[in-house]
Amino acid sequence: MLNLYPTPHGLQRAKERAGWNRRSALQMLERALYDGLRAEECGRTLCHYLRDIAARNAGHFARIYGEHVFIFGKDSTPTDAALVTVLHLPHSLGSAAKRARQQRLGQIA
């Protein structure tokens, strides 16, 4: 299990883009990391989008949770990860994310 912590920038963006205060953001970190969609669970377009985000900065990885994309960065120790920023999921990818979530939950065969 990873030790999660937010960066000041990550907290600021969570408040700005998701409307979360510090306490809410801290509670949502684990949900976003463990319940969020990984690139491997998504269709081609969404997978490329998530991998492009991660490729811009070495050691970063992205998860989709709800209508937001959470960018996490691995710290120097392998057991630590930090919330780097929160982005809005582009509107054009919303339906692809919804399909991926449904497939993950087994609602679509």
PDB file of N, CA and C in Angstrom:
ATOM      1  N   MET A   1       0.851  -1.173   0.000  1.00  0.00           N
ATOM      2  CA  MET A   1       0.000   0.000   0.000  1.00  0.00           C
ATOM      3  C   MET A   1       0.897   1.236   0.000  1.00  0.00           C
ATOM      4  N   LEU A   2       0.510   2.224  -0.767  1.00  0.00           N
ATOM      5  CA  LEU A   2       1.291   3.445  -0.873  1.00  0.00           C
ATOM      6  C   LEU A   2       0.914   4.452   0.204  1.00  0.00           C
ATOM      7  N   ASN A   3       1.890   5.214   0.655  1.00  0.00           N
ATOM      8  CA  ASN A   3       1.627   6.351   1.525  1.00  0.00           C
ATOM      9  C   ASN A   3       1.298   7.537   0.625  1.00  0.00           C
ATOM     10  N   LEU A   4       0.092   8.036   0.741  1.00  0.00           N
ATOM     11  CA  LEU A   4      -0.352   9.127  -0.128  1.00  0.00           C
ATOM     12  C   LEU A   4      -0.309  10.450   0.595  1.00  0.00           C
ATOM     13  N   TYR A   5       0.093  11.471  -0.117  1.00  0.00           N
ATOM     14  CA  TYR A   5       0.040  12.817   0.427  1.00  0.00           C
ATOM     15  C   TYR A   5      -0.144  13.791  -0.733  1.00  0.00           C
ATOM     16  N   PRO A   6      -0.800  14.908  -0.503  1.00  0.00           N
ATOM     17  CA  PRO A   6      -0.995  15.886  -1.563  1.00  0.00           C
ATOM     18  C   PRO A   6       0.112  16.937  -1.552  1.00  0.00           C
ATOM     19  N   THR A   7       0.453  17.423  -2.710  1.00  0.00           N
ATOM     20  CA  THR A   7       1.342  18.575  -2.782  1.00  0.00           C
ATOM     21  C   THR A   7       0.487  19.823  -2.597  1.00  0.00           C
ATOM     22  N   PRO A   8       1.086  20.952  -2.239  1.00  0.00           N
ATOM     23  CA  PRO A   8       0.293  22.192  -2.137  1.00  0.00           C
ATOM     24  C   PRO A   8      -0.425  22.528  -3.446  1.00  0.00           C
ATOM     25  N   HIS A   9       0.255  22.300  -4.577  1.00  0.00           N
ATOM     26  CA  HIS A   9      -0.372  22.552  -5.870  1.00  0.00           C
ATOM     27  C   HIS A   9      -1.560  21.606  -6.090  1.00  0.00           C
ATOM     28  N   GLY A  10      -1.387  20.342  -5.709  1.00  0.00           N
ATOM     29  CA  GLY A  10      -2.467  19.367  -5.852  1.00  0.00           C
ATOM     30  C   GLY A  10      -3.688  19.750  -5.032  1.00  0.00           C
ATOM     31  N   LEU A  11      -3.479  20.215  -3.799  1.00  0.00           N
ATOM     32  CA  LEU A  11      -4.596  20.669  -2.959  1.00  0.00           C
ATOM     33  C   LEU A  11      -5.291  21.886  -3.562  1.00  0.00           C
ATOM     34  N   GLN A  12      -4.491  22.807  -4.082  1.00  0.00           N
ATOM     35  CA  GLN A  12      -5.059  24.009  -4.693  1.00  0.00           C
ATOM     36  C   GLN A  12      -5.916  23.649  -5.904  1.00  0.00           C
ATOM     37  N   ARG A  13      -5.423  22.746  -6.741  1.00  0.00           N
ATOM     38  CA  ARG A  13      -6.182  22.348  -7.935  1.00  0.00           C
ATOM     39  C   ARG A  13      -7.414  21.521  -7.569  1.00  0.00           C
ATOM     40  N   ALA A  14      -7.336  20.708  -6.526  1.00  0.00           N
ATOM     41  CA  ALA A  14      -8.507  19.938  -6.086  1.00  0.00           C
ATOM     42  C   ALA A  14      -9.604  20.885  -5.618  1.00  0.00           C
ATOM     43  N   LYS A  15      -9.225  21.944  -4.942  1.00  0.00           N
ATOM     44  CA  LYS A  15     -10.205  22.933  -4.492  1.00  0.00           C
ATOM     45  C   LYS A  15     -10.774  23.697  -5.673  1.00  0.00           C
ATOM     46  N   GLU A  16      -9.899  24.094  -6.576  1.00  0.00           N
ATOM     47  CA  GLU A  16     -10.297  24.899  -7.730  1.00  0.00           C
ATOM     48  C   GLU A  16     -11.154  24.126  -8.724  1.00  0.00           C
ATOM     49  N   ARG A  17     -10.770  22.898  -9.017  1.00  0.00           N
ATOM     50  CA  ARG A  17     -11.410  22.151 -10.105  1.00  0.00           C
ATOM     51  C   ARG A  17     -12.470  21.158  -9.639  1.00  0.00           C
ATOM     52  N   ALA A  18     -12.343  20.651  -8.415  1.00  0.00           N
ATOM     53  CA  ALA A  18     -13.328  19.687  -7.920  1.00  0.00           C
ATOM     54  C   ALA A  18     -14.176  20.268  -6.799  1.00  0.00           C
ATOM     55  N   GLY A  19     -13.782  21.420  -6.258  1.00  0.00           N
ATOM     56  CA  GLY A  19     -14.542  22.044  -5.187  1.00  0.00           C
ATOM     57  C   GLY A  19     -14.307  21.416  -3.827  1.00  0.00           C
ATOM     58  N   TRP A  20     -13.188  20.712  -3.656  1.00  0.00           N
ATOM     59  CA  TRP A  20     -12.911  20.018  -2.409  1.00  0.00           C
ATOM     60  C   TRP A  20     -12.054  20.862  -1.486  1.00  0.00           C
ATOM     61  N   ASN A  21     -12.381  20.817  -0.203  1.00  0.00           N
ATOM     62  CA  ASN A  21     -11.495  21.438   0.774  1.00  0.00           C
ATOM     63  C   ASN A  21     -10.381  20.447   1.099  1.00  0.00           C
ATOM     64  N   ARG A  22      -9.476  20.833   1.981  1.00  0.00           N
ATOM     65  CA  ARG A  22      -8.319  19.989   2.297  1.00  0.00           C
ATOM     66  C   ARG A  22      -8.745  18.626   2.842  1.00  0.00           C
ATOM     67  N   ARG A  23      -9.696  18.633   3.751  1.00  0.00           N
ATOM     68  CA  ARG A  23     -10.138  17.376   4.368  1.00  0.00           C
ATOM     69  C   ARG A  23     -10.758  16.437   3.331  1.00  0.00           C
ATOM     70  N   SER A  24     -11.602  16.981   2.464  1.00  0.00           N
ATOM     71  CA  SER A  24     -12.223  16.162   1.420  1.00  0.00           C
ATOM     72  C   SER A  24     -11.174  15.615   0.461  1.00  0.00           C
ATOM     73  N   ALA A  25     -10.222  16.448   0.094  1.00  0.00           N
ATOM     74  CA  ALA A  25      -9.172  16.005  -0.825  1.00  0.00           C
ATOM     75  C   ALA A  25      -8.369  14.863  -0.214  1.00  0.00           C
ATOM     76  N   LEU A  26      -8.056  14.962   1.063  1.00  0.00           N
ATOM     77  CA  LEU A  26      -7.306  13.892   1.717  1.00  0.00           C
ATOM     78  C   LEU A  26      -8.089  12.588   1.743  1.00  0.00           C
ATOM     79  N   GLN A  27      -9.403  12.680   1.928  1.00  0.00           N
ATOM     80  CA  GLN A  27     -10.239  11.480   1.946  1.00  0.00           C
ATOM     81  C   GLN A  27     -10.366  10.869   0.554  1.00  0.00           C
ATOM     82  N   MET A  28     -10.341  11.703  -0.478  1.00  0.00           N
ATOM     83  CA  MET A  28     -10.538  11.224  -1.836  1.00  0.00           C
ATOM     84  C   MET A  28      -9.264  10.676  -2.489  1.00  0.00           C
ATOM     85  N   LEU A  29      -8.108  10.942  -1.907  1.00  0.00           N
ATOM     86  CA  LEU A  29      -6.862  10.472  -2.506  1.00  0.00           C
ATOM     87  C   LEU A  29      -6.843   8.965  -2.712  1.00  0.00           C
ATOM     88  N   GLU A  30      -7.197   8.225  -1.669  1.00  0.00           N
ATOM     89  CA  GLU A  30      -7.192   6.762  -1.784  1.00  0.00           C
ATOM     90  C   GLU A  30      -8.230   6.277  -2.779  1.00  0.00           C
ATOM     91  N   ARG A  31      -9.405   6.874  -2.757  1.00  0.00           N
ATOM     92  CA  ARG A  31     -10.434   6.465  -3.718  1.00  0.00           C
ATOM     93  C   ARG A  31      -9.959   6.677  -5.144  1.00  0.00           C
ATOM     94  N   ALA A  32      -9.403   7.854  -5.403  1.00  0.00           N
ATOM     95  CA  ALA A  32      -8.940   8.161  -6.755  1.00  0.00           C
ATOM     96  C   ALA A  32      -7.827   7.206  -7.183  1.00  0.00           C
ATOM     97  N   LEU A  33      -6.918   6.904  -6.289  1.00  0.00           N
ATOM     98  CA  LEU A  33      -5.796   6.034  -6.637  1.00  0.00           C
ATOM     99  C   LEU A  33      -6.233   4.592  -6.842  1.00  0.00           C
ATOM    100  N   TYR A  34      -6.973   4.038  -5.897  1.00  0.00           N
ATOM    101  CA  TYR A  34      -7.298   2.610  -5.954  1.00  0.00           C
ATOM    102  C   TYR A  34      -8.573   2.292  -6.727  1.00  0.00           C
ATOM    103  N   ASP A  35      -9.542   3.197  -6.753  1.00  0.00           N
ATOM    104  CA  ASP A  35     -10.784   2.945  -7.475  1.00  0.00           C
ATOM    105  C   ASP A  35     -10.835   3.635  -8.826  1.00  0.00           C
ATOM    106  N   GLY A  36      -9.892   4.525  -9.095  1.00  0.00           N
ATOM    107  CA  GLY A  36      -9.871   5.246 -10.364  1.00  0.00           C
ATOM    108  C   GLY A  36      -9.471   4.335 -11.516  1.00  0.00           C
ATOM    109  N   LEU A  37      -9.862   4.733 -12.704  1.00  0.00           N
ATOM    110  CA  LEU A  37      -9.543   3.952 -13.900  1.00  0.00           C
ATOM    111  C   LEU A  37      -8.091   4.148 -14.294  1.00  0.00           C
ATOM    112  N   ARG A  38      -7.404   3.047 -14.548  1.00  0.00           N
ATOM    113  CA  ARG A  38      -6.035   3.082 -15.063  1.00  0.00           C
ATOM    114  C   ARG A  38      -6.097   3.047 -16.587  1.00  0.00           C
ATOM    115  N   ALA A  39      -5.002   3.404 -17.225  1.00  0.00           N
ATOM    116  CA  ALA A  39      -4.949   3.422 -18.691  1.00  0.00           C
ATOM    117  C   ALA A  39      -5.255   2.037 -19.269  1.00  0.00           C
ATOM    118  N   GLU A  40      -4.787   0.985 -18.609  1.00  0.00           N
ATOM    119  CA  GLU A  40      -4.981  -0.376 -19.113  1.00  0.00           C
ATOM    120  C   GLU A  40      -6.447  -0.801 -19.110  1.00  0.00           C
ATOM    121  N   GLU A  41      -7.278  -0.149 -18.333  1.00  0.00           N
ATOM    122  CA  GLU A  41      -8.688  -0.514 -18.229  1.00  0.00           C
ATOM    123  C   GLU A  41      -9.565   0.257 -19.202  1.00  0.00           C
ATOM    124  N   CYS A  42      -8.970   1.128 -19.990  1.00  0.00           N
ATOM    125  CA  CYS A  42      -9.736   2.019 -20.853  1.00  0.00           C
ATOM    126  C   CYS A  42      -9.590   1.637 -22.315  1.00  0.00           C
ATOM    127  N   GLY A  43     -10.468   2.195 -23.124  1.00  0.00           N
ATOM    128  CA  GLY A  43     -10.388   2.027 -24.568  1.00  0.00           C
ATOM    129  C   GLY A  43      -9.189   2.773 -25.127  1.00  0.00           C
ATOM    130  N   ARG A  44      -8.993   2.637 -26.440  1.00  0.00           N
ATOM    131  CA  ARG A  44      -7.809   3.173 -27.091  1.00  0.00           C
ATOM    132  C   ARG A  44      -7.625   4.680 -26.910  1.00  0.00           C
ATOM    133  N   THR A  45      -8.634   5.473 -27.168  1.00  0.00           N
ATOM    134  CA  THR A  45      -8.505   6.928 -27.090  1.00  0.00           C
ATOM    135  C   THR A  45      -8.197   7.381 -25.673  1.00  0.00           C
ATOM    136  N   LEU A  46      -8.932   6.858 -24.724  1.00  0.00           N
ATOM    137  CA  LEU A  46      -8.728   7.223 -23.322  1.00  0.00           C
ATOM    138  C   LEU A  46      -7.380   6.711 -22.814  1.00  0.00           C
ATOM    139  N   CYS A  47      -6.989   5.548 -23.246  1.00  0.00           N
ATOM    140  CA  CYS A  47      -5.693   4.981 -22.871  1.00  0.00           C
ATOM    141  C   CYS A  47      -4.558   5.876 -23.370  1.00  0.00           C
ATOM    142  N   HIS A  48      -4.633   6.316 -24.625  1.00  0.00           N
ATOM    143  CA  HIS A  48      -3.609   7.210 -25.162  1.00  0.00           C
ATOM    144  C   HIS A  48      -3.571   8.524 -24.409  1.00  0.00           C
ATOM    145  N   TYR A  49      -4.727   9.044 -24.047  1.00  0.00           N
ATOM    146  CA  TYR A  49      -4.794  10.299 -23.302  1.00  0.00           C
ATOM    147  C   TYR A  49      -4.077  10.167 -21.955  1.00  0.00           C
ATOM    148  N   LEU A  50      -4.374   9.112 -21.212  1.00  0.00           N
ATOM    149  CA  LEU A  50      -3.743   8.909 -19.912  1.00  0.00           C
ATOM    150  C   LEU A  50      -2.241   8.651 -20.035  1.00  0.00           C
ATOM    151  N   ARG A  51      -1.840   7.893 -21.026  1.00  0.00           N
ATOM    152  CA  ARG A  51      -0.417   7.609 -21.203  1.00  0.00           C
ATOM    153  C   ARG A  51       0.354   8.845 -21.653  1.00  0.00           C
ATOM    154  N   ASP A  52      -0.284   9.696 -22.449  1.00  0.00           N
ATOM    155  CA  ASP A  52       0.374  10.944 -22.853  1.00  0.00           C
ATOM    156  C   ASP A  52       0.611  11.845 -21.654  1.00  0.00           C
ATOM    157  N   ILE A  53      -0.358  11.904 -20.752  1.00  0.00           N
ATOM    158  CA  ILE A  53      -0.196  12.710 -19.539  1.00  0.00           C
ATOM    159  C   ILE A  53       0.975  12.186 -18.713  1.00  0.00           C
ATOM    160  N   ALA A  54       1.024  10.886 -18.545  1.00  0.00           N
ATOM    161  CA  ALA A  54       2.092  10.284 -17.739  1.00  0.00           C
ATOM    162  C   ALA A  54       3.451  10.412 -18.418  1.00  0.00           C
ATOM    163  N   ALA A  55       3.485  10.379 -19.746  1.00  0.00           N
ATOM    164  CA  ALA A  55       4.748  10.440 -20.469  1.00  0.00           C
ATOM    165  C   ALA A  55       5.392  11.826 -20.403  1.00  0.00           C
ATOM    166  N   ARG A  56       4.618  12.847 -20.155  1.00  0.00           N
ATOM    167  CA  ARG A  56       5.174  14.204 -20.095  1.00  0.00           C
ATOM    168  C   ARG A  56       6.150  14.365 -18.936  1.00  0.00           C
ATOM    169  N   ASN A  57       5.926  13.651 -17.854  1.00  0.00           N
ATOM    170  CA  ASN A  57       6.796  13.727 -16.681  1.00  0.00           C
ATOM    171  C   ASN A  57       7.119  12.319 -16.211  1.00  0.00           C
ATOM    172  N   ALA A  58       8.391  12.016 -16.126  1.00  0.00           N
ATOM    173  CA  ALA A  58       8.812  10.685 -15.686  1.00  0.00           C
ATOM    174  C   ALA A  58       8.366  10.454 -14.241  1.00  0.00           C
ATOM    175  N   GLY A  59       7.891   9.272 -13.970  1.00  0.00           N
ATOM    176  CA  GLY A  59       7.485   8.920 -12.617  1.00  0.00           C
ATOM    177  C   GLY A  59       6.060   9.318 -12.266  1.00  0.00           C
ATOM    178  N   HIS A  60       5.327   9.876 -13.212  1.00  0.00           N
ATOM    179  CA  HIS A  60       3.940  10.255 -12.959  1.00  0.00           C
ATOM    180  C   HIS A  60       3.001   9.204 -13.533  1.00  0.00           C
ATOM    181  N   PHE A  61       1.831   9.079 -12.945  1.00  0.00           N
ATOM    182  CA  PHE A  61       0.794   8.210 -13.480  1.00  0.00           C
ATOM    183  C   PHE A  61      -0.554   8.861 -13.216  1.00  0.00           C
ATOM    184  N   ALA A  62      -1.533   8.513 -14.038  1.00  0.00           N
ATOM    185  CA  ALA A  62      -2.837   9.172 -13.983  1.00  0.00           C
ATOM    186  C   ALA A  62      -3.936   8.162 -13.689  1.00  0.00           C
ATOM    187  N   ARG A  63      -4.977   8.647 -13.030  1.00  0.00           N
ATOM    188  CA  ARG A  63      -6.190   7.870 -12.767  1.00  0.00           C
ATOM    189  C   ARG A  63      -7.390   8.759 -13.055  1.00  0.00           C
ATOM    190  N   ILE A  64      -8.450   8.146 -13.576  1.00  0.00           N
ATOM    191  CA  ILE A  64      -9.701   8.867 -13.788  1.00  0.00           C
ATOM    192  C   ILE A  64     -10.658   8.442 -12.699  1.00  0.00           C
ATOM    193  N   TYR A  65     -11.187   9.404 -11.995  1.00  0.00           N
ATOM    194  CA  TYR A  65     -12.187   9.140 -10.962  1.00  0.00           C
ATOM    195  C   TYR A  65     -13.273  10.190 -11.132  1.00  0.00           C
ATOM    196  N   GLY A  66     -14.473   9.746 -11.430  1.00  0.00           N
ATOM    197  CA  GLY A  66     -15.559  10.680 -11.696  1.00  0.00           C
ATOM    198  C   GLY A  66     -15.281  11.438 -12.977  1.00  0.00           C
ATOM    199  N   GLU A  67     -15.377  12.733 -12.915  1.00  0.00           N
ATOM    200  CA  GLU A  67     -15.144  13.578 -14.084  1.00  0.00           C
ATOM    201  C   GLU A  67     -13.788  14.273 -14.013  1.00  0.00           C
ATOM    202  N   HIS A  68     -12.877  13.720 -13.232  1.00  0.00           N
ATOM    203  CA  HIS A  68     -11.576  14.339 -13.049  1.00  0.00           C
ATOM    204  C   HIS A  68     -10.450  13.354 -13.308  1.00  0.00           C
ATOM    205  N   VAL A  69      -9.315  13.901 -13.714  1.00  0.00           N
ATOM    206  CA  VAL A  69      -8.103  13.122 -13.917  1.00  0.00           C
ATOM    207  C   VAL A  69      -7.139  13.516 -12.806  1.00  0.00           C
ATOM    208  N   PHE A  70      -6.676  12.542 -12.064  1.00  0.00           N
ATOM    209  CA  PHE A  70      -5.760  12.765 -10.958  1.00  0.00           C
ATOM    210  C   PHE A  70      -4.370  12.341 -11.394  1.00  0.00           C
ATOM    211  N   ILE A  71      -3.422  13.245 -11.271  1.00  0.00           N
ATOM    212  CA  ILE A  71      -2.043  12.954 -11.643  1.00  0.00           C
ATOM    213  C   ILE A  71      -1.255  12.746 -10.354  1.00  0.00           C
ATOM    214  N   PHE A  72      -0.677  11.568 -10.224  1.00  0.00           N
ATOM    215  CA  PHE A  72       0.133  11.220  -9.065  1.00  0.00           C
ATOM    216  C   PHE A  72       1.583  11.101  -9.498  1.00  0.00           C
ATOM    217  N   GLY A  73       2.471  11.402  -8.581  1.00  0.00           N
ATOM    218  CA  GLY A  73       3.893  11.258  -8.841  1.00  0.00           C
ATOM    219  C   GLY A  73       4.513  10.353  -7.805  1.00  0.00           C
ATOM    220  N   LYS A  74       5.401   9.486  -8.256  1.00  0.00           N
ATOM    221  CA  LYS A  74       6.131   8.621  -7.321  1.00  0.00           C
ATOM    222  C   LYS A  74       7.262   9.423  -6.716  1.00  0.00           C
ATOM    223  N   ASP A  75       7.419   9.291  -5.426  1.00  0.00           N
ATOM    224  CA  ASP A  75       8.479   9.991  -4.720  1.00  0.00           C
ATOM    225  C   ASP A  75       9.760   9.158  -4.784  1.00  0.00           C
ATOM    226  N   SER A  76      10.790   9.626  -4.142  1.00  0.00           N
ATOM    227  CA  SER A  76      12.076   8.926  -4.161  1.00  0.00           C
ATOM    228  C   SER A  76      11.995   7.543  -3.519  1.00  0.00           C
ATOM    229  N   THR A  77      11.076   7.388  -2.582  1.00  0.00           N
ATOM    230  CA  THR A  77      10.896   6.071  -1.974  1.00  0.00           C
ATOM    231  C   THR A  77       9.757   5.346  -2.693  1.00  0.00           C
ATOM    232  N   PRO A  78       9.878   4.055  -2.875  1.00  0.00           N
ATOM    233  CA  PRO A  78       8.852   3.332  -3.643  1.00  0.00           C
ATOM    234  C   PRO A  78       7.504   3.219  -2.942  1.00  0.00           C
ATOM    235  N   THR A  79       7.429   3.574  -1.672  1.00  0.00           N
ATOM    236  CA  THR A  79       6.164   3.446  -0.955  1.00  0.00           C
ATOM    237  C   THR A  79       5.417   4.772  -0.829  1.00  0.00           C
ATOM    238  N   ASP A  80       5.918   5.835  -1.433  1.00  0.00           N
ATOM    239  CA  ASP A  80       5.273   7.139  -1.343  1.00  0.00           C
ATOM    240  C   ASP A  80       4.789   7.607  -2.706  1.00  0.00           C
ATOM    241  N   ALA A  81       3.633   8.237  -2.711  1.00  0.00           N
ATOM    242  CA  ALA A  81       3.100   8.855  -3.923  1.00  0.00           C
ATOM    243  C   ALA A  81       2.420  10.156  -3.535  1.00  0.00           C
ATOM    244  N   ALA A  82       2.526  11.139  -4.405  1.00  0.00           N
ATOM    245  CA  ALA A  82       1.962  12.461  -4.127  1.00  0.00           C
ATOM    246  C   ALA A  82       0.948  12.838  -5.193  1.00  0.00           C
ATOM    247  N   LEU A  83      -0.124  13.493  -4.772  1.00  0.00           N
ATOM    248  CA  LEU A  83      -1.074  14.064  -5.716  1.00  0.00           C
ATOM    249  C   LEU A  83      -0.435  15.321  -6.283  1.00  0.00           C
ATOM    250  N   VAL A  84      -0.171  15.310  -7.577  1.00  0.00           N
ATOM    251  CA  VAL A  84       0.500  16.435  -8.208  1.00  0.00           C
ATOM    252  C   VAL A  84      -0.510  17.481  -8.649  1.00  0.00           C
ATOM    253  N   THR A  85      -1.567  17.045  -9.330  1.00  0.00           N
ATOM    254  CA  THR A  85      -2.588  17.982  -9.794  1.00  0.00           C
ATOM    255  C   THR A  85      -3.876  17.234 -10.120  1.00  0.00           C
ATOM    256  N   VAL A  86      -4.922  18.002 -10.316  1.00  0.00           N
ATOM    257  CA  VAL A  86      -6.232  17.482 -10.697  1.00  0.00           C
ATOM    258  C   VAL A  86      -6.660  18.228 -11.959  1.00  0.00           C
ATOM    259  N   LEU A  87      -7.100  17.481 -12.959  1.00  0.00           N
ATOM    260  CA  LEU A  87      -7.570  18.075 -14.210  1.00  0.00           C
ATOM    261  C   LEU A  87      -9.014  17.671 -14.451  1.00  0.00           C
ATOM    262  N   HIS A  88      -9.720  18.487 -15.217  1.00  0.00           N
ATOM    263  CA  HIS A  88     -11.050  18.092 -15.673  1.00  0.00           C
ATOM    264  C   HIS A  88     -10.875  17.080 -16.795  1.00  0.00           C
ATOM    265  N   LEU A  89     -11.698  16.060 -16.815  1.00  0.00           N
ATOM    266  CA  LEU A  89     -11.699  15.120 -17.921  1.00  0.00           C
ATOM    267  C   LEU A  89     -12.308  15.828 -19.122  1.00  0.00           C
ATOM    268  N   PRO A  90     -11.629  15.824 -20.278  1.00  0.00           N
ATOM    269  CA  PRO A  90     -12.215  16.494 -21.442  1.00  0.00           C
ATOM    270  C   PRO A  90     -13.598  15.939 -21.770  1.00  0.00           C
ATOM    271  N   HIS A  91     -14.488  16.831 -22.128  1.00  0.00           N
ATOM    272  CA  HIS A  91     -15.875  16.444 -22.404  1.00  0.00           C
ATOM    273  C   HIS A  91     -15.956  15.366 -23.480  1.00  0.00           C
ATOM    274  N   SER A  92     -15.078  15.437 -24.458  1.00  0.00           N
ATOM    275  CA  SER A  92     -15.111  14.466 -25.555  1.00  0.00           C
ATOM    276  C   SER A  92     -14.744  13.049 -25.103  1.00  0.00           C
ATOM    277  N   LEU A  93     -14.123  12.908 -23.936  1.00  0.00           N
ATOM    278  CA  LEU A  93     -13.734  11.593 -23.431  1.00  0.00           C
ATOM    279  C   LEU A  93     -14.666  11.075 -22.339  1.00  0.00           C
ATOM    280  N   GLY A  94     -15.682  11.851 -21.991  1.00  0.00           N
ATOM    281  CA  GLY A  94     -16.596  11.463 -20.921  1.00  0.00           C
ATOM    282  C   GLY A  94     -17.326  10.162 -21.189  1.00  0.00           C
ATOM    283  N   SER A  95     -17.818   9.983 -22.411  1.00  0.00           N
ATOM    284  CA  SER A  95     -18.555   8.752 -22.718  1.00  0.00           C
ATOM    285  C   SER A  95     -17.623   7.536 -22.719  1.00  0.00           C
ATOM    286  N   ALA A  96     -16.376   7.709 -23.154  1.00  0.00           N
ATOM    287  CA  ALA A  96     -15.413   6.610 -23.133  1.00  0.00           C
ATOM    288  C   ALA A  96     -15.096   6.210 -21.691  1.00  0.00           C
ATOM    289  N   ALA A  97     -14.994   7.188 -20.807  1.00  0.00           N
ATOM    290  CA  ALA A  97     -14.739   6.892 -19.394  1.00  0.00           C
ATOM    291  C   ALA A  97     -15.937   6.178 -18.768  1.00  0.00           C
ATOM    292  N   LYS A  98     -17.126   6.594 -19.138  1.00  0.00           N
ATOM    293  CA  LYS A  98     -18.328   5.956 -18.607  1.00  0.00           C
ATOM    294  C   LYS A  98     -18.397   4.487 -19.053  1.00  0.00           C
ATOM    295  N   ARG A  99     -18.088   4.223 -20.318  1.00  0.00           N
ATOM    296  CA  ARG A  99     -18.067   2.843 -20.823  1.00  0.00           C
ATOM    297  C   ARG A  99     -17.026   2.008 -20.090  1.00  0.00           C
ATOM    298  N   ALA A 100     -15.847   2.577 -19.871  1.00  0.00           N
ATOM    299  CA  ALA A 100     -14.782   1.843 -19.180  1.00  0.00           C
ATOM    300  C   ALA A 100     -15.187   1.521 -17.745  1.00  0.00           C
ATOM    301  N   ARG A 101     -15.836   2.477 -17.069  1.00  0.00           N
ATOM    302  CA  ARG A 101     -16.302   2.217 -15.699  1.00  0.00           C
ATOM    303  C   ARG A 101     -17.341   1.107 -15.686  1.00  0.00           C
ATOM    304  N   GLN A 102     -18.268   1.131 -16.647  1.00  0.00           N
ATOM    305  CA  GLN A 102     -19.300   0.103 -16.700  1.00  0.00           C
ATOM    306  C   GLN A 102     -18.707  -1.268 -16.983  1.00  0.00           C
ATOM    307  N   GLN A 103     -17.731  -1.320 -17.878  1.00  0.00           N
ATOM    308  CA  GLN A 103     -17.078  -2.604 -18.172  1.00  0.00           C
ATOM    309  C   GLN A 103     -16.325  -3.103 -16.941  1.00  0.00           C
ATOM    310  N   ARG A 104     -15.699  -2.208 -16.234  1.00  0.00           N
ATOM    311  CA  ARG A 104     -14.961  -2.588 -15.023  1.00  0.00           C
ATOM    312  C   ARG A 104     -15.897  -3.178 -13.985  1.00  0.00           C
ATOM    313  N   LEU A 105     -17.089  -2.608 -13.878  1.00  0.00           N
ATOM    314  CA  LEU A 105     -18.054  -3.091 -12.912  1.00  0.00           C
ATOM    315  C   LEU A 105     -18.851  -4.291 -13.413  1.00  0.00           C
ATOM    316  N   GLY A 106     -18.610  -4.690 -14.658  1.00  0.00           N
ATOM    317  CA  GLY A 106     -19.287  -5.857 -15.212  1.00  0.00           C
ATOM    318  C   GLY A 106     -20.700  -5.598 -15.656  1.00  0.00           C
ATOM    319  N   GLN A 107     -21.040  -4.339 -15.904  1.00  0.00           N
ATOM    320  CA  GLN A 107     -22.400  -4.015 -16.315  1.00  0.00           C
ATOM    321  C   GLN A 107     -22.596  -4.164 -17.805  1.00  0.00           C
ATOM    322  N   ILE A 108     -21.498  -4.214 -18.549  1.00  0.00           N
ATOM    323  CA  ILE A 108     -21.576  -4.436 -19.993  1.00  0.00           C
ATOM    324  C   ILE A 108     -20.732  -5.663 -20.291  1.00  0.00           C
ATOM    325  N   ALA A 109     -21.299  -6.600 -20.989  1.00  0.00           N
ATOM    326  CA  ALA A 109     -20.567  -7.833 -21.297  1.00  0.00           C
ATOM    327  C   ALA A 109     -19.616  -7.648 -22.442  1.00  0.00           C
TER     328      ALA A 109
END
